[in-house]
Amino acid sequence: MKFILVFLILIIGFSCVDKTNILTENVKYSIQKELQDKNLKIYGFETEVLSLDLVHKESNEYVGILRTHEVRKKGSKFYNYKDTTDNDFNFQYDVNVVYDGHNFQYDLSGKRFEN
């Protein structure tokens, strides 16, 4: 009896982890596309998503941290010609995701420099 209970708990646990991993990859891909377009057009940044870590908060909510590498494109109005070392940044964002099992919606907030 104990074996069956432990086995069921492991199966449920692994299925939740797998679901979170798939969701994380889909959200990461979506954010990458959005940030590449938005940051390049508005700020002249070329953006690469380094990582996204999501954890299941409750119900259909997930929270996490997004790490990016952003470089000011030479020729953009924000490019620093006086100090070219001031054009390369790593950032972290807070990420909130709502997922209904089929569709997700995310919100990025709290952009900050990464140490």
C-alpha atoms as a PDB file:
ATOM      1  CA  MET A   1       0.000   0.000   0.000  1.00  0.00           C
ATOM      2  CA  LYS A   2       2.801   2.438   0.906  1.00  0.00           C
ATOM      3  CA  PHE A   3       4.584   1.584  -2.327  1.00  0.00           C
ATOM      4  CA  ILE A   4       1.523   2.481  -4.407  1.00  0.00           C
ATOM      5  CA  LEU A   5       1.065   5.774  -2.555  1.00  0.00           C
ATOM      6  CA  VAL A   6       4.728   6.749  -3.012  1.00  0.00           C
ATOM      7  CA  PHE A   7       4.562   5.726  -6.673  1.00  0.00           C
ATOM      8  CA  LEU A   8       1.473   7.897  -7.279  1.00  0.00           C
ATOM      9  CA  ILE A   9       3.077  10.886  -5.535  1.00  0.00           C
ATOM     10  CA  LEU A  10       6.195  10.514  -7.717  1.00  0.00           C
ATOM     11  CA  ILE A  11       4.139  10.309 -10.918  1.00  0.00           C
ATOM     12  CA  ILE A  12       2.128  13.409 -10.009  1.00  0.00           C
ATOM     13  CA  GLY A  13       5.282  15.280  -9.019  1.00  0.00           C
ATOM     14  CA  PHE A  14       7.104  14.442 -12.250  1.00  0.00           C
ATOM     15  CA  SER A  15       4.110  15.372 -14.405  1.00  0.00           C
ATOM     16  CA  CYS A  16       3.915  18.795 -12.717  1.00  0.00           C
ATOM     17  CA  VAL A  17       7.645  19.387 -13.246  1.00  0.00           C
ATOM     18  CA  ASP A  18       7.363  18.395 -16.906  1.00  0.00           C
ATOM     19  CA  LYS A  19       4.357  20.701 -17.400  1.00  0.00           C
ATOM     20  CA  THR A  20       6.264  23.599 -15.798  1.00  0.00           C
ATOM     21  CA  ASN A  21       9.298  22.935 -18.017  1.00  0.00           C
ATOM     22  CA  ILE A  22       7.183  22.981 -21.178  1.00  0.00           C
ATOM     23  CA  LEU A  23       5.402  26.149 -20.059  1.00  0.00           C
ATOM     24  CA  THR A  24       8.756  27.770 -19.227  1.00  0.00           C
ATOM     25  CA  GLU A  25      10.133  27.073 -22.716  1.00  0.00           C
ATOM     26  CA  ASN A  26       6.997  28.430 -24.404  1.00  0.00           C
ATOM     27  CA  VAL A  27       6.955  31.594 -22.292  1.00  0.00           C
ATOM     28  CA  LYS A  28      10.706  32.090 -22.829  1.00  0.00           C
ATOM     29  CA  TYR A  29      10.265  31.848 -26.612  1.00  0.00           C
ATOM     30  CA  SER A  30       7.383  34.336 -26.560  1.00  0.00           C
ATOM     31  CA  ILE A  31       9.287  36.817 -24.376  1.00  0.00           C
ATOM     32  CA  GLN A  32      12.394  36.505 -26.579  1.00  0.00           C
ATOM     33  CA  LYS A  33      10.386  37.496 -29.654  1.00  0.00           C
ATOM     34  CA  GLU A  34       8.689  40.413 -27.879  1.00  0.00           C
ATOM     35  CA  LEU A  35      11.853  41.833 -26.290  1.00  0.00           C
ATOM     36  CA  GLN A  36      13.891  41.562 -29.482  1.00  0.00           C
ATOM     37  CA  ASP A  37      11.376  43.686 -31.385  1.00  0.00           C
ATOM     38  CA  LYS A  38      10.447  46.109 -28.594  1.00  0.00           C
ATOM     39  CA  ASN A  39      13.942  46.803 -27.241  1.00  0.00           C
ATOM     40  CA  LEU A  40      15.477  47.225 -30.685  1.00  0.00           C
ATOM     41  CA  LYS A  41      12.807  49.638 -31.930  1.00  0.00           C
ATOM     42  CA  ILE A  42      12.531  51.736 -28.777  1.00  0.00           C
ATOM     43  CA  TYR A  43      15.969  51.605 -27.145  1.00  0.00           C
ATOM     44  CA  GLY A  44      18.333  50.255 -29.788  1.00  0.00           C
ATOM     45  CA  PHE A  45      19.102  47.167 -27.672  1.00  0.00           C
ATOM     46  CA  GLU A  46      19.831  43.778 -29.153  1.00  0.00           C
ATOM     47  CA  THR A  47      18.373  41.383 -26.598  1.00  0.00           C
ATOM     48  CA  GLU A  48      19.140  37.754 -25.809  1.00  0.00           C
ATOM     49  CA  VAL A  49      17.177  35.822 -23.192  1.00  0.00           C
ATOM     50  CA  LEU A  50      19.706  33.909 -21.102  1.00  0.00           C
ATOM     51  CA  SER A  51      17.322  32.038 -18.834  1.00  0.00           C
ATOM     52  CA  LEU A  52      13.841  31.892 -17.406  1.00  0.00           C
ATOM     53  CA  ASP A  53      13.099  30.128 -14.135  1.00  0.00           C
ATOM     54  CA  LEU A  54       9.431  29.601 -13.291  1.00  0.00           C
ATOM     55  CA  VAL A  55       7.873  28.032 -10.214  1.00  0.00           C
ATOM     56  CA  HIS A  56       4.263  27.092  -9.666  1.00  0.00           C
ATOM     57  CA  LYS A  57       2.782  29.561  -7.180  1.00  0.00           C
ATOM     58  CA  GLU A  58      -0.805  28.364  -6.867  1.00  0.00           C
ATOM     59  CA  SER A  59      -3.755  27.333  -8.979  1.00  0.00           C
ATOM     60  CA  ASN A  60      -2.920  28.608 -12.484  1.00  0.00           C
ATOM     61  CA  GLU A  61      -0.251  31.145 -11.449  1.00  0.00           C
ATOM     62  CA  TYR A  62       3.496  30.901 -11.934  1.00  0.00           C
ATOM     63  CA  VAL A  63       6.233  33.346 -10.910  1.00  0.00           C
ATOM     64  CA  GLY A  64       9.854  33.584 -11.878  1.00  0.00           C
ATOM     65  CA  ILE A  65      12.976  35.452 -12.882  1.00  0.00           C
ATOM     66  CA  LEU A  66      14.032  36.248 -16.439  1.00  0.00           C
ATOM     67  CA  ARG A  67      17.708  36.975 -17.148  1.00  0.00           C
ATOM     68  CA  THR A  68      18.713  38.851 -20.307  1.00  0.00           C
ATOM     69  CA  HIS A  69      21.827  40.143 -22.016  1.00  0.00           C
ATOM     70  CA  GLU A  70      21.192  43.440 -23.794  1.00  0.00           C
ATOM     71  CA  VAL A  71      23.634  45.356 -25.976  1.00  0.00           C
ATOM     72  CA  ARG A  72      23.079  48.853 -27.337  1.00  0.00           C
ATOM     73  CA  LYS A  73      23.349  48.693 -31.092  1.00  0.00           C
ATOM     74  CA  LYS A  74      25.972  50.999 -32.561  1.00  0.00           C
ATOM     75  CA  GLY A  75      24.228  53.809 -34.393  1.00  0.00           C
ATOM     76  CA  SER A  76      21.179  53.876 -32.106  1.00  0.00           C
ATOM     77  CA  LYS A  77      20.369  57.163 -30.403  1.00  0.00           C
ATOM     78  CA  PHE A  78      21.202  55.625 -26.997  1.00  0.00           C
ATOM     79  CA  TYR A  79      24.634  54.264 -27.973  1.00  0.00           C
ATOM     80  CA  ASN A  80      27.358  55.658 -25.705  1.00  0.00           C
ATOM     81  CA  TYR A  81      30.236  56.698 -27.971  1.00  0.00           C
ATOM     82  CA  LYS A  82      32.185  58.295 -25.093  1.00  0.00           C
ATOM     83  CA  ASP A  83      32.362  55.059 -23.101  1.00  0.00           C
ATOM     84  CA  THR A  84      31.803  52.032 -25.320  1.00  0.00           C
ATOM     85  CA  THR A  85      31.970  49.711 -22.283  1.00  0.00           C
ATOM     86  CA  ASP A  86      28.668  51.305 -21.187  1.00  0.00           C
ATOM     87  CA  ASN A  87      26.690  49.570 -23.937  1.00  0.00           C
ATOM     88  CA  ASP A  88      26.574  45.987 -22.636  1.00  0.00           C
ATOM     89  CA  PHE A  89      24.187  44.981 -19.832  1.00  0.00           C
ATOM     90  CA  ASN A  90      22.739  42.004 -18.010  1.00  0.00           C
ATOM     91  CA  PHE A  91      19.259  42.485 -16.568  1.00  0.00           C
ATOM     92  CA  GLN A  92      16.761  40.586 -14.466  1.00  0.00           C
ATOM     93  CA  TYR A  93      12.990  40.901 -14.735  1.00  0.00           C
ATOM     94  CA  ASP A  94      10.233  39.592 -12.480  1.00  0.00           C
ATOM     95  CA  VAL A  95       7.813  37.412 -14.440  1.00  0.00           C
ATOM     96  CA  ASN A  96       4.214  36.537 -13.583  1.00  0.00           C
ATOM     97  CA  VAL A  97       2.423  33.949 -15.710  1.00  0.00           C
ATOM     98  CA  VAL A  98      -1.200  32.836 -15.777  1.00  0.00           C
ATOM     99  CA  TYR A  99      -1.755  29.516 -17.549  1.00  0.00           C
ATOM    100  CA  ASP A 100      -5.124  27.849 -18.133  1.00  0.00           C
ATOM    101  CA  GLY A 101      -3.707  24.607 -19.496  1.00  0.00           C
ATOM    102  CA  HIS A 102      -3.809  25.771 -23.118  1.00  0.00           C
ATOM    103  CA  ASN A 103      -2.988  29.490 -23.247  1.00  0.00           C
ATOM    104  CA  PHE A 104      -0.732  31.669 -21.146  1.00  0.00           C
ATOM    105  CA  GLN A 105      -0.361  35.348 -20.431  1.00  0.00           C
ATOM    106  CA  TYR A 106       2.753  36.861 -18.904  1.00  0.00           C
ATOM    107  CA  ASP A 107       3.719  40.151 -17.341  1.00  0.00           C
ATOM    108  CA  LEU A 108       7.282  41.481 -17.046  1.00  0.00           C
ATOM    109  CA  SER A 109       8.071  43.930 -14.259  1.00  0.00           C
ATOM    110  CA  GLY A 110      10.860  45.023 -11.962  1.00  0.00           C
ATOM    111  CA  LYS A 111      13.653  45.372 -14.537  1.00  0.00           C
ATOM    112  CA  ARG A 112      16.973  45.709 -12.727  1.00  0.00           C
ATOM    113  CA  PHE A 113      20.687  45.399 -13.383  1.00  0.00           C
ATOM    114  CA  GLU A 114      22.176  42.035 -12.616  1.00  0.00           C
ATOM    115  CA  ASN A 115      25.332  42.079 -10.530  1.00  0.00           C
END
